[in-house]
Amino acid sequence: MTDSTGTDNVSRQQIALTNLRTSRETILFERRMQIDWVWMARGCGVTFKVIGDALGVTEGAVRAMLARDQ
């Protein structure tokens, strides 16, 4: 079956799945970059509380993030 643009449902599904995979890869990359920046901030003496405030999370969440990364 095709829609008004001439794209069949299988093609639309493939496009959606490709975009989901790309989105996941982007999220994982951004997560890695965020962790790297947190480590850098800690190395510069920024407190867990200040980092948490910048990220919109608690101090404990920042500590947990870095603990998981070790």
Protein backbone atom coordinates (compact mmCIF):
# COMPACT_ATOMS: atom_id res chain seq x y z
CA MET A 1 0.00 0.00 0.00
CA THR A 2 1.28 3.49 -0.80
CA ASP A 3 0.44 6.83 0.74
CA SER A 4 -0.28 10.10 -1.05
CA THR A 5 3.47 10.69 -1.56
CA GLY A 6 3.92 7.35 -3.27
CA THR A 7 5.94 5.89 -0.41
CA ASP A 8 4.94 2.38 0.52
CA ASN A 9 4.53 1.30 4.14
CA VAL A 10 7.65 -0.90 4.12
CA SER A 11 9.78 2.02 2.94
CA ARG A 12 8.29 4.27 5.60
CA GLN A 13 9.05 1.62 8.23
CA GLN A 14 12.65 1.37 7.00
CA ILE A 15 13.03 5.14 7.11
CA ALA A 16 11.61 5.24 10.64
CA LEU A 17 13.94 2.47 11.83
CA THR A 18 16.97 4.11 10.24
CA ASN A 19 16.09 7.39 11.96
CA LEU A 20 15.64 5.61 15.30
CA ARG A 21 19.07 3.99 14.99
CA THR A 22 20.66 7.31 14.08
CA SER A 23 18.91 8.97 17.01
CA ARG A 24 20.20 6.29 19.39
CA GLU A 25 23.76 6.71 18.12
CA THR A 26 23.51 10.47 18.57
CA ILE A 27 22.17 10.11 22.11
CA LEU A 28 24.97 7.70 23.05
CA PHE A 29 27.60 10.04 21.61
CA GLU A 30 26.14 13.05 23.44
CA ARG A 31 25.96 11.06 26.68
CA ARG A 32 29.66 10.16 26.32
CA MET A 33 30.53 13.81 25.67
CA GLN A 34 28.53 14.90 28.73
CA ILE A 35 30.42 12.45 30.93
CA ASP A 36 33.74 13.66 29.51
CA TRP A 37 32.78 17.27 30.30
CA VAL A 38 31.76 16.29 33.83
CA TRP A 39 35.16 14.65 34.36
CA MET A 40 36.85 17.77 33.01
CA ALA A 41 34.82 20.01 35.31
CA ARG A 42 35.69 17.83 38.29
CA GLY A 43 39.35 17.99 37.29
CA CYS A 44 39.07 21.79 37.40
CA GLY A 45 37.63 21.66 40.91
CA VAL A 46 33.94 22.18 40.12
CA THR A 47 31.79 20.61 42.82
CA PHE A 48 29.26 17.84 42.23
CA LYS A 49 26.52 20.25 43.30
CA VAL A 50 27.46 22.93 40.77
CA ILE A 51 27.76 20.31 38.00
CA GLY A 52 24.39 18.87 38.99
CA ASP A 53 22.80 22.32 38.90
CA ALA A 54 24.22 22.87 35.40
CA LEU A 55 22.83 19.53 34.21
CA GLY A 56 19.52 19.83 36.01
CA VAL A 57 20.18 16.78 38.18
CA THR A 58 21.14 16.15 41.78
CA GLU A 59 24.64 16.02 43.19
CA GLY A 60 24.04 12.31 43.82
CA ALA A 61 23.13 11.76 40.17
CA VAL A 62 26.43 13.31 39.11
CA ARG A 63 28.34 11.09 41.54
CA ALA A 64 26.46 8.04 40.24
CA MET A 65 27.19 9.02 36.64
CA LEU A 66 30.91 9.12 37.30
CA ALA A 67 30.85 5.95 39.41
CA ARG A 68 29.22 4.07 36.52
CA ASP A 69 31.89 5.39 34.19
CA GLN A 70 34.81 4.07 36.21
